[in-house]
Amino acid sequence: MANEWFETVAIAQKRAKKRLPRSVYGALIAGAEAGVSMNDNLQAFNELGLRPVTAGQSPERAMDTTIMGQPASMPVMISPTGVQAVHPDGEEAVARGSAARGIPMGLSSFGSKPIESVIQGNPQLFFQIYWAGDLDSMIGRMERARAAGAVGMILTLDWSFSHGRDWGSPEIPQSIDLKTAMKHAPDVLTRPAWLKDWVRSGALPQLGVPNFGPKDAPAPGFFEAYGTWMGTPPPTWEDVARLVEAWGGPFMVKGVGRPDEARRAVDAGATAISVSNHGGNNIDSSPAPIRVLPEIVDAVGADIEVLLDGGVRRGSDVVKALALGARGVLIGRAYLWGLAANGQAGVENVLDILRNGIDSTLLGLGKSSIADLSPDDVIIPDGFCPPRL
């Protein structure tokens, strides 16, 4: 049997591309319009330099921390992502893999597995919702998560429903029936390993979203829930404050890209923000989160936990974000590549890559702990950050 271990996230992505049907892989690529923001999320990390030392390094490096009150073995958290048809075990495999590596997990309200089963794999679970439907329905989703044991809430606001992609959008069916299966058969049959996994599971990929409604109700379809989301008027910050109050515990606002809005999140009572452009799926040409992170940290870093989500592929990326003031990072595509490549073991493989990369970077910088990192450890080129507001 071929060695299924991979040494970088880039290799995991290559294996995912080789394993997944073209339409499924295209859904993971996602992005919006010309892909400017999606690509900048990666490029921005490459523009930042590091200042290594030569001798005197600590023999041990500490990287444990807390994220929204939850202990984490390293400053990394699983970002919530939607329907995970890349592997039959989906979010359940991600939960087991992240728990095995001691980090918290976010679960999407558009996830393919119910929270009641996912949380069995990782009790350090934060539930994510979109501003979709009326306030009562949103509170109902939160109460279901509370009953299941969720430790915190994530409200994602960074999406502008820009659907066009210059490289073409994947065709996502409403459901998997015989007609749909026949239509996609030529694509699927070119990926026998992926098909074999699903045959072994005894099921077909499901495009329902079981966490979008009440626990015992039939799961609405992805496009039904997506339509509800699209048709809901955007929230005000007063609306956000109502949700924060209704939850009454750790609460992250995800999608902040401006210092003034970071301040509004603080005023609304949120306990954390994620600096994010939704992996390049928000309005295209929005800057990479790492470019605006220093300005946001300067504005609110003493009053709220600031995390970064977007473009993290290496442990050195995590270190750069921490040095510029983030408490931790969220990863999305990186663990999905691992899940697609090798299930739960692939998720653990990705997390091991990040852990080893953090450790190696701390060693090279002569740091004994992530707490010792500062902006002085990073070389920021002129023009890297946009003009401050």
Protein backbone atom coordinates (compact mmCIF):
# COMPACT_ATOMS: atom_id res chain seq x y z
CA MET A 1 0.00 0.00 0.00
CA ALA A 2 1.29 3.48 -0.85
CA ASN A 3 2.30 5.70 2.02
CA GLU A 4 -0.71 7.93 2.74
CA TRP A 5 1.27 10.38 4.88
CA PHE A 6 1.96 13.76 3.31
CA GLU A 7 4.55 16.31 4.40
CA THR A 8 2.88 19.61 3.45
CA VAL A 9 -0.63 20.96 3.03
CA ALA A 10 0.20 21.61 -0.63
CA ILE A 11 0.73 17.88 -1.15
CA ALA A 12 -2.57 17.18 0.63
CA GLN A 13 -4.25 19.51 -1.83
CA LYS A 14 -2.69 17.70 -4.79
CA ARG A 15 -3.89 14.36 -3.44
CA ALA A 16 -7.37 15.79 -2.82
CA LYS A 17 -7.51 17.05 -6.41
CA LYS A 18 -6.48 13.62 -7.69
CA ARG A 19 -8.98 11.81 -5.47
CA LEU A 20 -12.10 14.00 -5.72
CA PRO A 21 -14.54 14.34 -8.61
CA ARG A 22 -13.95 17.58 -10.46
CA SER A 23 -17.17 19.22 -9.23
CA VAL A 24 -16.45 18.36 -5.58
CA TYR A 25 -12.89 19.67 -5.80
CA GLY A 26 -14.17 22.83 -7.49
CA ALA A 27 -16.52 23.45 -4.58
CA LEU A 28 -13.56 23.35 -2.19
CA ILE A 29 -11.59 25.83 -4.29
CA ALA A 30 -14.55 28.25 -4.15
CA GLY A 31 -13.40 31.90 -4.25
CA ALA A 32 -15.20 34.79 -5.93
CA GLU A 33 -14.97 36.69 -9.21
CA ALA A 34 -11.31 36.95 -10.31
CA GLY A 35 -9.96 35.23 -7.19
CA VAL A 36 -7.93 38.29 -6.18
CA SER A 37 -8.72 37.98 -2.48
CA MET A 38 -8.48 34.19 -2.47
CA ASN A 39 -4.98 34.34 -3.94
CA ASP A 40 -3.92 37.30 -1.81
CA ASN A 41 -4.73 35.31 1.34
CA LEU A 42 -1.82 33.03 0.40
CA GLN A 43 0.49 35.58 -1.21
CA ALA A 44 0.37 37.96 1.76
CA PHE A 45 1.98 35.40 4.07
CA ASN A 46 4.75 34.88 1.53
CA GLU A 47 5.52 38.60 1.56
CA LEU A 48 6.26 38.59 5.28
CA GLY A 49 9.80 37.75 6.38
CA LEU A 50 11.14 36.35 9.65
CA ARG A 51 14.25 37.23 11.69
CA PRO A 52 16.02 34.00 12.73
CA VAL A 53 18.76 33.67 15.33
CA THR A 54 21.87 31.52 15.11
CA ALA A 55 22.49 30.09 18.59
CA GLY A 56 21.09 30.13 22.10
CA GLN A 57 17.70 28.69 21.22
CA SER A 58 15.52 27.09 23.88
CA PRO A 59 15.48 23.26 23.83
CA GLU A 60 11.70 23.33 24.40
CA ARG A 61 8.97 25.46 22.87
CA ALA A 62 5.53 26.00 24.42
CA MET A 63 2.58 26.55 22.12
CA ASP A 64 -0.45 25.67 24.24
CA THR A 65 -3.04 28.40 24.76
CA THR A 66 -6.76 28.99 25.20
CA ILE A 67 -9.23 30.02 22.51
CA MET A 68 -12.49 31.51 23.75
CA GLY A 69 -11.97 29.83 27.09
CA GLN A 70 -11.13 26.41 25.67
CA PRO A 71 -7.68 24.86 26.13
CA ALA A 72 -5.83 24.29 22.87
CA SER A 73 -2.60 22.37 22.44
CA MET A 74 -1.57 24.95 19.83
CA PRO A 75 -3.04 28.28 18.64
CA VAL A 76 -5.16 26.67 15.92
CA MET A 77 -8.90 26.07 15.64
CA ILE A 78 -10.99 24.27 13.02
CA SER A 79 -12.98 26.82 11.04
CA PRO A 80 -16.59 25.87 10.31
CA THR A 81 -17.14 24.92 6.67
CA GLY A 82 -20.26 23.80 4.84
CA VAL A 83 -21.38 20.46 3.42
CA GLN A 84 -18.36 18.16 3.53
CA ALA A 85 -19.05 15.58 0.82
CA VAL A 86 -15.32 15.09 0.40
CA HIS A 87 -15.45 12.05 2.71
CA PRO A 88 -18.31 9.88 4.02
CA ASP A 89 -17.45 10.65 7.66
CA GLY A 90 -17.41 14.41 7.02
CA GLU A 91 -17.47 16.57 10.14
CA GLU A 92 -17.43 13.51 12.41
CA ALA A 93 -13.94 12.63 11.14
CA VAL A 94 -12.86 16.25 11.56
CA ALA A 95 -14.15 16.24 15.14
CA ARG A 96 -12.27 13.07 16.04
CA GLY A 97 -9.10 14.28 14.34
CA SER A 98 -9.11 17.70 15.98
CA ALA A 99 -9.87 16.19 19.41
CA ALA A 100 -6.99 13.75 18.97
CA ARG A 101 -4.70 16.74 18.47
CA GLY A 102 -6.21 18.78 21.29
CA ILE A 103 -7.77 21.71 19.45
CA PRO A 104 -11.31 23.15 19.35
CA MET A 105 -13.60 22.84 16.38
CA GLY A 106 -16.19 25.04 14.70
CA LEU A 107 -19.22 23.28 13.16
CA SER A 108 -21.19 24.97 10.40
CA SER A 109 -24.97 25.28 10.45
CA PHE A 110 -24.56 24.19 6.80
CA GLY A 111 -22.62 21.08 7.86
CA SER A 112 -23.58 17.64 6.60
CA LYS A 113 -23.66 15.93 10.02
CA PRO A 114 -25.92 16.84 12.97
CA ILE A 115 -24.30 18.58 15.90
CA GLU A 116 -25.49 15.83 18.25
CA SER A 117 -23.25 13.29 16.52
CA VAL A 118 -20.32 15.59 15.74
CA ILE A 119 -19.93 16.77 19.33
CA GLN A 120 -19.41 13.18 20.42
CA GLY A 121 -16.10 13.32 18.60
CA ASN A 122 -14.99 16.69 20.00
CA PRO A 123 -16.77 18.24 23.02
CA GLN A 124 -14.77 21.47 22.45
CA LEU A 125 -17.24 22.43 19.75
CA PHE A 126 -18.32 25.93 18.73
CA PHE A 127 -21.49 26.13 16.66
CA GLN A 128 -21.63 28.53 13.71
CA ILE A 129 -24.68 30.29 12.34
CA TYR A 130 -25.39 32.74 9.55
CA TRP A 131 -27.79 35.65 9.78
CA ALA A 132 -30.54 33.64 8.09
CA GLY A 133 -34.25 33.65 8.82
CA ASP A 134 -35.98 35.51 11.62
CA LEU A 135 -34.51 36.09 15.06
CA ASP A 136 -36.57 33.32 16.64
CA SER A 137 -35.25 30.72 14.18
CA MET A 138 -31.67 31.82 14.80
CA ILE A 139 -32.14 31.63 18.54
CA GLY A 140 -33.72 28.22 18.02
CA ARG A 141 -30.54 27.00 16.29
CA MET A 142 -28.46 28.36 19.14
CA GLU A 143 -30.65 26.68 21.74
CA ARG A 144 -30.34 23.37 19.93
CA ALA A 145 -26.55 23.82 20.01
CA ARG A 146 -26.68 24.68 23.69
CA ALA A 147 -28.70 21.54 24.43
CA ALA A 148 -26.16 19.46 22.51
CA GLY A 149 -23.30 20.88 24.61
CA ALA A 150 -21.71 23.51 22.36
CA VAL A 151 -19.18 25.61 24.26
CA GLY A 152 -19.56 28.77 22.20
CA MET A 153 -21.13 30.45 19.21
CA ILE A 154 -19.74 31.80 15.92
CA LEU A 155 -21.73 34.29 13.84
CA THR A 156 -20.41 34.49 10.28
CA LEU A 157 -21.11 37.78 8.50
CA ASP A 158 -18.44 37.95 5.76
CA TRP A 159 -20.32 36.96 2.60
CA SER A 160 -21.76 39.15 -0.15
CA PHE A 161 -23.32 36.43 -2.38
CA SER A 162 -21.00 37.06 -5.31
CA HIS A 163 -21.37 33.82 -7.25
CA GLY A 164 -19.49 34.33 -10.50
CA ARG A 165 -16.01 32.86 -10.88
CA ASP A 166 -13.72 33.49 -13.84
CA TRP A 167 -12.66 29.83 -13.79
CA GLY A 168 -16.27 28.63 -13.63
CA SER A 169 -18.40 27.60 -10.68
CA PRO A 170 -18.91 23.91 -9.86
CA GLU A 171 -22.27 22.38 -10.62
CA ILE A 172 -23.80 21.45 -7.28
CA PRO A 173 -27.01 19.38 -7.51
CA GLN A 174 -30.06 20.01 -5.34
CA SER A 175 -29.97 16.36 -4.21
CA ILE A 176 -28.47 13.02 -5.21
CA ASP A 177 -31.14 10.97 -6.98
CA LEU A 178 -30.85 8.45 -9.81
CA LYS A 179 -31.05 11.11 -12.52
CA THR A 180 -28.38 13.22 -10.86
CA ALA A 181 -26.18 10.19 -10.24
CA MET A 182 -26.34 9.24 -13.91
CA LYS A 183 -25.51 12.78 -14.99
CA HIS A 184 -22.42 12.94 -12.79
CA ALA A 185 -21.39 9.31 -13.35
CA PRO A 186 -18.67 10.09 -15.94
CA ASP A 187 -16.98 12.49 -13.50
CA VAL A 188 -17.37 10.19 -10.50
CA LEU A 189 -16.15 7.07 -12.31
CA THR A 190 -12.82 8.77 -12.98
CA ARG A 191 -12.29 8.86 -9.19
CA PRO A 192 -12.75 5.22 -8.13
CA ALA A 193 -11.10 5.62 -4.70
CA TRP A 194 -13.58 8.34 -3.70
CA LEU A 195 -16.48 6.29 -5.05
CA LYS A 196 -15.24 3.20 -3.21
CA ASP A 197 -15.27 5.10 0.11
CA TRP A 198 -18.92 6.02 -0.41
CA VAL A 199 -19.90 2.53 -1.51
CA ARG A 200 -18.30 1.12 1.64
CA SER A 201 -20.24 3.63 3.76
CA GLY A 202 -23.52 2.38 2.34
CA ALA A 203 -24.72 5.92 1.60
CA LEU A 204 -24.65 8.62 -1.04
CA PRO A 205 -23.32 12.13 -0.42
CA GLN A 206 -26.08 14.10 1.28
CA LEU A 207 -26.69 17.75 0.42
CA GLY A 208 -29.07 18.39 3.30
CA VAL A 209 -28.14 20.68 6.19
CA PRO A 210 -29.39 18.97 9.37
CA ASN A 211 -28.25 21.75 11.71
CA PHE A 212 -30.30 24.48 10.03
CA GLY A 213 -33.60 23.49 11.61
CA PRO A 214 -35.00 21.84 14.73
CA LYS A 215 -33.39 18.62 15.90
CA ASP A 216 -36.16 16.21 14.91
CA ALA A 217 -37.35 17.98 11.76
CA PRO A 218 -36.40 16.81 8.25
CA ALA A 219 -33.14 18.41 7.16
CA PRO A 220 -33.70 21.19 4.64
CA GLY A 221 -31.76 21.03 1.39
CA PHE A 222 -28.62 23.10 0.95
CA PHE A 223 -30.22 25.42 -1.60
CA GLU A 224 -33.36 25.83 0.49
CA ALA A 225 -31.25 26.99 3.45
CA TYR A 226 -29.03 29.08 1.19
CA GLY A 227 -32.11 30.81 -0.22
CA THR A 228 -33.26 31.66 3.30
CA TRP A 229 -29.87 33.15 4.00
CA MET A 230 -29.84 35.18 0.78
CA GLY A 231 -33.35 36.46 1.42
CA THR A 232 -32.70 37.66 4.96
CA PRO A 233 -31.97 41.40 5.30
CA PRO A 234 -28.45 42.06 6.67
CA PRO A 235 -28.20 42.56 10.44
CA THR A 236 -27.47 45.75 12.31
CA TRP A 237 -24.98 45.78 15.15
CA GLU A 238 -27.99 46.02 17.46
CA ASP A 239 -29.18 42.72 15.96
CA VAL A 240 -25.77 41.20 16.64
CA ALA A 241 -25.98 42.39 20.25
CA ARG A 242 -29.36 40.63 20.61
CA LEU A 243 -27.83 37.33 19.54
CA VAL A 244 -24.86 37.81 21.84
CA GLU A 245 -27.23 38.43 24.74
CA ALA A 246 -29.42 35.45 23.83
CA TRP A 247 -26.40 33.12 23.83
CA GLY A 248 -24.91 34.51 27.03
CA GLY A 249 -21.47 32.94 26.63
CA PRO A 250 -18.38 32.88 24.40
CA PHE A 251 -19.39 34.50 21.10
CA MET A 252 -17.29 35.16 17.99
CA VAL A 253 -18.16 37.54 15.18
CA LYS A 254 -16.48 36.14 12.08
CA GLY A 255 -15.66 38.29 9.08
CA VAL A 256 -14.29 41.51 10.54
CA GLY A 257 -11.90 43.41 8.26
CA ARG A 258 -11.98 46.96 9.61
CA PRO A 259 -10.94 48.44 12.97
CA ASP A 260 -14.13 50.46 13.33
CA GLU A 261 -16.23 47.30 12.95
CA ALA A 262 -13.98 45.45 15.36
CA ARG A 263 -14.83 48.18 17.85
CA ARG A 264 -18.54 47.69 17.12
CA ALA A 265 -18.17 43.96 17.81
CA VAL A 266 -16.67 44.81 21.20
CA ASP A 267 -19.55 47.17 21.93
CA ALA A 268 -22.05 44.47 20.92
CA GLY A 269 -20.63 42.21 23.63
CA ALA A 270 -18.77 39.69 21.47
CA THR A 271 -15.89 37.94 23.21
CA ALA A 272 -13.90 37.24 20.03
CA ILE A 273 -13.61 38.30 16.41
CA SER A 274 -12.20 36.51 13.42
CA VAL A 275 -10.37 38.72 10.94
CA SER A 276 -11.51 37.09 7.72
CA ASN A 277 -12.69 37.56 4.14
CA HIS A 278 -14.34 34.13 4.07
CA GLY A 279 -11.45 32.51 2.25
CA GLY A 280 -11.79 34.97 -0.63
CA ASN A 281 -15.52 34.29 -0.98
CA ASN A 282 -16.58 37.76 0.15
CA ILE A 283 -16.34 40.83 -2.10
CA ASP A 284 -13.31 40.29 -4.32
CA SER A 285 -10.32 42.63 -3.88
CA SER A 286 -10.84 42.77 -0.12
CA PRO A 287 -7.38 42.53 1.47
CA ALA A 288 -5.94 39.38 2.96
CA PRO A 289 -6.76 39.21 6.68
CA ILE A 290 -3.07 39.24 7.65
CA ARG A 291 -2.71 42.66 5.97
CA VAL A 292 -5.34 44.32 8.18
CA LEU A 293 -4.61 42.31 11.33
CA PRO A 294 -2.12 44.82 12.87
CA GLU A 295 -4.55 47.73 12.55
CA ILE A 296 -7.39 45.74 14.11
CA VAL A 297 -5.21 44.45 16.95
CA ASP A 298 -4.13 48.02 17.71
CA ALA A 299 -7.78 49.08 17.86
CA VAL A 300 -9.27 46.32 20.04
CA GLY A 301 -6.61 43.80 21.02
CA ALA A 302 -6.84 44.60 24.72
CA ASP A 303 -10.64 44.25 24.79
CA ILE A 304 -11.42 41.11 22.79
CA GLU A 305 -9.75 37.96 21.47
CA VAL A 306 -8.58 38.51 17.90
CA LEU A 307 -8.19 35.48 15.65
CA LEU A 308 -7.24 35.27 12.00
CA ASP A 309 -8.87 33.10 9.34
CA GLY A 310 -7.58 32.97 5.78
CA GLY A 311 -4.60 31.59 3.89
CA VAL A 312 -2.96 29.59 6.69
CA ARG A 313 -1.10 26.63 5.18
CA ARG A 314 2.07 26.37 7.31
CA GLY A 315 3.17 26.60 10.89
CA SER A 316 5.21 29.65 9.98
CA ASP A 317 1.97 31.33 8.85
CA VAL A 318 0.56 30.73 12.32
CA VAL A 319 3.67 32.25 13.92
CA LYS A 320 3.46 35.32 11.67
CA ALA A 321 -0.17 35.87 12.66
CA LEU A 322 0.64 35.52 16.35
CA ALA A 323 3.61 37.86 16.08
CA LEU A 324 1.29 40.49 14.59
CA GLY A 325 -1.13 40.17 17.47
CA ALA A 326 -3.55 37.30 16.79
CA ARG A 327 -4.37 34.97 19.65
CA GLY A 328 -4.73 32.09 17.23
CA VAL A 329 -5.83 31.12 13.73
CA LEU A 330 -8.66 29.20 12.15
CA ILE A 331 -8.02 26.82 9.27
CA GLY A 332 -10.51 25.81 6.58
CA ARG A 333 -9.28 24.51 3.24
CA ALA A 334 -6.15 23.05 4.84
CA TYR A 335 -8.03 20.45 6.89
CA LEU A 336 -10.51 19.81 4.06
CA TRP A 337 -7.59 18.83 1.81
CA GLY A 338 -6.46 16.44 4.54
CA LEU A 339 -9.95 15.03 5.01
CA ALA A 340 -10.27 14.43 1.28
CA ALA A 341 -6.84 12.85 1.03
CA ASN A 342 -7.08 10.45 3.96
CA GLY A 343 -10.11 10.94 6.20
CA GLN A 344 -9.55 11.46 9.92
CA ALA A 345 -5.89 10.50 9.60
CA GLY A 346 -5.51 13.19 6.94
CA VAL A 347 -6.96 15.82 9.28
CA GLU A 348 -4.52 14.75 11.98
CA ASN A 349 -1.70 14.81 9.40
CA VAL A 350 -2.49 18.46 8.56
CA LEU A 351 -2.56 19.42 12.23
CA ASP A 352 0.77 17.67 12.79
CA ILE A 353 2.24 19.64 9.88
CA LEU A 354 1.12 22.89 11.48
CA ARG A 355 2.36 21.88 14.92
CA ASN A 356 5.79 20.89 13.61
CA GLY A 357 5.95 24.08 11.57
CA ILE A 358 5.12 26.24 14.59
CA ASP A 359 7.76 24.44 16.62
CA SER A 360 10.41 24.76 13.90
CA THR A 361 9.70 28.45 13.44
CA LEU A 362 9.85 29.14 17.17
CA LEU A 363 13.19 27.30 17.27
CA GLY A 364 14.54 29.35 14.40
CA LEU A 365 13.42 32.59 16.03
CA GLY A 366 14.94 31.61 19.38
CA LYS A 367 11.59 31.67 21.19
CA SER A 368 10.69 29.38 24.06
CA SER A 369 6.97 30.13 23.81
CA ILE A 370 4.39 31.63 21.50
CA ALA A 371 3.93 34.23 24.23
CA ASP A 372 7.39 35.61 23.40
CA LEU A 373 6.47 36.53 19.82
CA SER A 374 6.23 40.19 18.81
CA PRO A 375 6.08 42.31 15.64
CA ASP A 376 9.87 42.64 15.87
CA ASP A 377 10.13 39.02 14.73
CA VAL A 378 8.44 39.79 11.41
CA ILE A 379 9.77 41.75 8.44
CA ILE A 380 6.88 43.75 7.00
CA PRO A 381 7.64 45.23 3.56
CA ASP A 382 6.59 48.75 2.64
CA GLY A 383 3.02 48.84 1.38
CA PHE A 384 2.13 45.47 2.90
CA CYS A 385 -0.75 46.89 4.95
CA PRO A 386 -3.42 49.14 3.39
CA PRO A 387 -3.59 52.76 4.57
CA ARG A 388 -5.15 52.90 8.00
CA LEU A 389 -8.72 54.11 8.34
